């Protein structure tokens, strides 16, 4: 492999794909609850953009396991966003594990990736209408 080919994926962008058993129900959840509208669609799929990133919902006969965070947003004020989403009917996961405990739906997490220049993160998790586990995180300086 030549040096020019070693970072071929690093030059690309990454986009999340989330399964939806009922695409119409998912569209309503993302629109009415999260305030997001698709920027494009095709049969069996909806494309969304947030900042410079994108994700797609695709119609699937399978279901999301919901046992891990499948997608997350990095935000500037997790408390305000959690409060707003709660007003819109979002239920946040309560976690009580060694080293990870939420209070009012938000966890304080020690440590972060050094390149992010933060000492930690405040995070919250919720499920969409299809059972996908989604996260919201705010780096803490």
C-alpha atoms as a PDB file:
ATOM      1  CA  UNK A   1       0.000   0.000   0.000  1.00  0.00           C
ATOM      2  CA  UNK A   2       1.447   3.385  -0.939  1.00  0.00           C
ATOM      3  CA  UNK A   3       1.441   6.364   1.384  1.00  0.00           C
ATOM      4  CA  UNK A   4      -1.239   8.011  -0.758  1.00  0.00           C
ATOM      5  CA  UNK A   5      -3.676   5.163  -0.068  1.00  0.00           C
ATOM      6  CA  UNK A   6      -3.241   4.823   3.714  1.00  0.00           C
ATOM      7  CA  UNK A   7      -5.817   7.454   4.645  1.00  0.00           C
ATOM      8  CA  UNK A   8      -8.444   6.947   1.959  1.00  0.00           C
ATOM      9  CA  UNK A   9     -11.279   6.654   4.497  1.00  0.00           C
ATOM     10  CA  UNK A  10      -9.976   9.525   6.650  1.00  0.00           C
ATOM     11  CA  UNK A  11     -10.590  11.891   3.728  1.00  0.00           C
ATOM     12  CA  UNK A  12     -14.236  10.863   3.551  1.00  0.00           C
ATOM     13  CA  UNK A  13     -17.094  11.917   5.769  1.00  0.00           C
ATOM     14  CA  UNK A  14     -19.073   9.678   8.094  1.00  0.00           C
ATOM     15  CA  UNK A  15     -22.851   9.384   8.190  1.00  0.00           C
ATOM     16  CA  UNK A  16     -25.003   7.375  10.575  1.00  0.00           C
ATOM     17  CA  UNK A  17     -27.735   5.019   9.381  1.00  0.00           C
ATOM     18  CA  UNK A  18     -30.577   4.202  11.785  1.00  0.00           C
ATOM     19  CA  UNK A  19     -33.216   1.514  11.198  1.00  0.00           C
ATOM     20  CA  UNK A  20     -36.922   2.316  11.345  1.00  0.00           C
ATOM     21  CA  UNK A  21     -39.624  -0.330  11.323  1.00  0.00           C
ATOM     22  CA  UNK A  22     -42.203   2.384  10.608  1.00  0.00           C
ATOM     23  CA  UNK A  23     -40.689   5.213   8.575  1.00  0.00           C
ATOM     24  CA  UNK A  24     -43.806   7.422   8.819  1.00  0.00           C
ATOM     25  CA  UNK A  25     -43.824   7.102  12.617  1.00  0.00           C
ATOM     26  CA  UNK A  26     -40.096   7.888  12.704  1.00  0.00           C
ATOM     27  CA  UNK A  27     -40.584  10.950  10.449  1.00  0.00           C
ATOM     28  CA  UNK A  28     -43.251  12.264  12.832  1.00  0.00           C
ATOM     29  CA  UNK A  29     -41.024  11.703  15.886  1.00  0.00           C
ATOM     30  CA  UNK A  30     -38.022  13.449  14.351  1.00  0.00           C
ATOM     31  CA  UNK A  31     -40.212  16.312  13.113  1.00  0.00           C
ATOM     32  CA  UNK A  32     -42.686  16.857  15.931  1.00  0.00           C
ATOM     33  CA  UNK A  33     -40.489  15.881  18.872  1.00  0.00           C
ATOM     34  CA  UNK A  34     -36.945  16.757  17.791  1.00  0.00           C
ATOM     35  CA  UNK A  35     -37.806  19.559  15.351  1.00  0.00           C
ATOM     36  CA  UNK A  36     -35.835  17.997  12.480  1.00  0.00           C
ATOM     37  CA  UNK A  37     -37.030  17.773   8.876  1.00  0.00           C
ATOM     38  CA  UNK A  38     -35.480  15.561   6.208  1.00  0.00           C
ATOM     39  CA  UNK A  39     -33.437  17.422   3.596  1.00  0.00           C
ATOM     40  CA  UNK A  40     -33.971  14.625   1.093  1.00  0.00           C
ATOM     41  CA  UNK A  41     -35.844  11.371   0.780  1.00  0.00           C
ATOM     42  CA  UNK A  42     -36.104   8.293  -1.371  1.00  0.00           C
ATOM     43  CA  UNK A  43     -38.328   5.240  -1.189  1.00  0.00           C
ATOM     44  CA  UNK A  44     -37.592   3.666   2.194  1.00  0.00           C
ATOM     45  CA  UNK A  45     -35.214   6.373   3.409  1.00  0.00           C
ATOM     46  CA  UNK A  46     -35.030   9.857   4.916  1.00  0.00           C
ATOM     47  CA  UNK A  47     -31.859  11.988   4.996  1.00  0.00           C
ATOM     48  CA  UNK A  48     -31.264  14.592   7.735  1.00  0.00           C
ATOM     49  CA  UNK A  49     -28.476  17.148   8.167  1.00  0.00           C
ATOM     50  CA  UNK A  50     -27.269  18.592  11.463  1.00  0.00           C
ATOM     51  CA  UNK A  51     -24.410  21.056  11.103  1.00  0.00           C
ATOM     52  CA  UNK A  52     -21.899  19.553   8.689  1.00  0.00           C
ATOM     53  CA  UNK A  53     -22.996  15.967   9.383  1.00  0.00           C
ATOM     54  CA  UNK A  54     -25.850  13.823   8.203  1.00  0.00           C
ATOM     55  CA  UNK A  55     -27.801  10.756   9.198  1.00  0.00           C
ATOM     56  CA  UNK A  56     -30.404   8.664   7.486  1.00  0.00           C
ATOM     57  CA  UNK A  57     -33.372   6.678   8.679  1.00  0.00           C
ATOM     58  CA  UNK A  58     -34.041   3.619   6.574  1.00  0.00           C
ATOM     59  CA  UNK A  59     -37.013   1.321   6.533  1.00  0.00           C
ATOM     60  CA  UNK A  60     -36.035  -2.026   8.005  1.00  0.00           C
ATOM     61  CA  UNK A  61     -37.818  -5.189   9.049  1.00  0.00           C
ATOM     62  CA  UNK A  62     -35.247  -5.553  11.844  1.00  0.00           C
ATOM     63  CA  UNK A  63     -35.285  -3.581  15.062  1.00  0.00           C
ATOM     64  CA  UNK A  64     -32.613  -1.561  16.796  1.00  0.00           C
ATOM     65  CA  UNK A  65     -31.099  -3.339  19.791  1.00  0.00           C
ATOM     66  CA  UNK A  66     -31.066  -0.111  21.790  1.00  0.00           C
ATOM     67  CA  UNK A  67     -28.288  -1.512  23.976  1.00  0.00           C
ATOM     68  CA  UNK A  68     -25.680   1.088  22.995  1.00  0.00           C
ATOM     69  CA  UNK A  69     -25.582   4.674  21.782  1.00  0.00           C
ATOM     70  CA  UNK A  70     -26.154   4.537  18.047  1.00  0.00           C
ATOM     71  CA  UNK A  71     -25.806   8.264  17.337  1.00  0.00           C
ATOM     72  CA  UNK A  72     -25.059  11.364  19.351  1.00  0.00           C
ATOM     73  CA  UNK A  73     -25.116  15.134  19.078  1.00  0.00           C
ATOM     74  CA  UNK A  74     -22.430  17.373  20.561  1.00  0.00           C
ATOM     75  CA  UNK A  75     -24.085  20.492  21.940  1.00  0.00           C
ATOM     76  CA  UNK A  76     -23.130  23.648  23.828  1.00  0.00           C
ATOM     77  CA  UNK A  77     -25.763  23.436  26.598  1.00  0.00           C
ATOM     78  CA  UNK A  78     -27.014  19.946  27.421  1.00  0.00           C
ATOM     79  CA  UNK A  79     -29.220  21.127  30.308  1.00  0.00           C
ATOM     80  CA  UNK A  80     -31.215  23.518  28.121  1.00  0.00           C
ATOM     81  CA  UNK A  81     -31.648  20.947  25.361  1.00  0.00           C
ATOM     82  CA  UNK A  82     -32.682  18.193  27.773  1.00  0.00           C
ATOM     83  CA  UNK A  83     -35.237  20.537  29.382  1.00  0.00           C
ATOM     84  CA  UNK A  84     -36.648  21.529  25.972  1.00  0.00           C
ATOM     85  CA  UNK A  85     -36.878  17.930  24.780  1.00  0.00           C
ATOM     86  CA  UNK A  86     -38.556  16.876  28.036  1.00  0.00           C
ATOM     87  CA  UNK A  87     -41.208  19.547  27.381  1.00  0.00           C
ATOM     88  CA  UNK A  88     -41.723  17.929  23.960  1.00  0.00           C
ATOM     89  CA  UNK A  89     -42.315  14.533  25.583  1.00  0.00           C
ATOM     90  CA  UNK A  90     -38.867  12.933  25.336  1.00  0.00           C
ATOM     91  CA  UNK A  91     -38.104  10.543  28.195  1.00  0.00           C
ATOM     92  CA  UNK A  92     -34.437  10.390  29.099  1.00  0.00           C
ATOM     93  CA  UNK A  93     -32.769   7.208  30.252  1.00  0.00           C
ATOM     94  CA  UNK A  94     -31.839   6.971  33.901  1.00  0.00           C
ATOM     95  CA  UNK A  95     -28.516   5.197  34.398  1.00  0.00           C
ATOM     96  CA  UNK A  96     -27.124   3.920  37.691  1.00  0.00           C
ATOM     97  CA  UNK A  97     -23.896   2.015  37.039  1.00  0.00           C
ATOM     98  CA  UNK A  98     -20.506   2.116  38.752  1.00  0.00           C
ATOM     99  CA  UNK A  99     -18.863   5.283  37.465  1.00  0.00           C
ATOM    100  CA  UNK A 100     -21.933   6.435  35.506  1.00  0.00           C
ATOM    101  CA  UNK A 101     -25.035   7.834  37.157  1.00  0.00           C
ATOM    102  CA  UNK A 102     -27.601  10.247  35.761  1.00  0.00           C
ATOM    103  CA  UNK A 103     -29.355  12.902  37.802  1.00  0.00           C
ATOM    104  CA  UNK A 104     -32.466  14.353  36.159  1.00  0.00           C
ATOM    105  CA  UNK A 105     -31.434  12.512  32.983  1.00  0.00           C
ATOM    106  CA  UNK A 106     -27.897  13.975  32.771  1.00  0.00           C
ATOM    107  CA  UNK A 107     -24.622  12.257  33.675  1.00  0.00           C
ATOM    108  CA  UNK A 108     -21.295  13.900  34.503  1.00  0.00           C
ATOM    109  CA  UNK A 109     -18.558  11.855  32.874  1.00  0.00           C
ATOM    110  CA  UNK A 110     -14.890  12.232  33.798  1.00  0.00           C
ATOM    111  CA  UNK A 111     -12.415  12.181  30.950  1.00  0.00           C
ATOM    112  CA  UNK A 112     -12.730  12.969  27.290  1.00  0.00           C
ATOM    113  CA  UNK A 113     -10.643  12.624  24.167  1.00  0.00           C
ATOM    114  CA  UNK A 114      -7.554  14.880  24.500  1.00  0.00           C
ATOM    115  CA  UNK A 115      -8.099  16.328  21.024  1.00  0.00           C
ATOM    116  CA  UNK A 116     -11.426  17.750  22.205  1.00  0.00           C
ATOM    117  CA  UNK A 117      -9.637  19.871  24.805  1.00  0.00           C
ATOM    118  CA  UNK A 118     -12.151  18.998  27.502  1.00  0.00           C
ATOM    119  CA  UNK A 119     -11.725  17.335  30.875  1.00  0.00           C
ATOM    120  CA  UNK A 120     -15.075  15.593  30.697  1.00  0.00           C
ATOM    121  CA  UNK A 121     -18.551  15.553  29.306  1.00  0.00           C
ATOM    122  CA  UNK A 122     -22.137  15.978  30.440  1.00  0.00           C
ATOM    123  CA  UNK A 123     -24.373  13.525  28.622  1.00  0.00           C
ATOM    124  CA  UNK A 124     -27.945  12.321  28.306  1.00  0.00           C
ATOM    125  CA  UNK A 125     -29.585   9.486  26.382  1.00  0.00           C
ATOM    126  CA  UNK A 126     -33.055   8.870  24.966  1.00  0.00           C
ATOM    127  CA  UNK A 127     -34.759   6.536  22.517  1.00  0.00           C
ATOM    128  CA  UNK A 128     -36.445   7.514  19.301  1.00  0.00           C
ATOM    129  CA  UNK A 129     -39.788   6.087  18.190  1.00  0.00           C
ATOM    130  CA  UNK A 130     -37.978   3.046  16.724  1.00  0.00           C
ATOM    131  CA  UNK A 131     -35.957   2.116  19.805  1.00  0.00           C
ATOM    132  CA  UNK A 132     -32.653   3.611  18.620  1.00  0.00           C
ATOM    133  CA  UNK A 133     -30.612   4.885  21.575  1.00  0.00           C
ATOM    134  CA  UNK A 134     -29.480   8.465  20.919  1.00  0.00           C
ATOM    135  CA  UNK A 135     -27.140  10.641  22.968  1.00  0.00           C
ATOM    136  CA  UNK A 136     -26.517  14.301  23.622  1.00  0.00           C
ATOM    137  CA  UNK A 137     -23.136  15.400  24.957  1.00  0.00           C
ATOM    138  CA  UNK A 138     -21.570  18.663  26.078  1.00  0.00           C
ATOM    139  CA  UNK A 139     -17.790  18.789  26.507  1.00  0.00           C
ATOM    140  CA  UNK A 140     -16.747  20.247  29.853  1.00  0.00           C
ATOM    141  CA  UNK A 141     -13.628  22.418  29.840  1.00  0.00           C
END
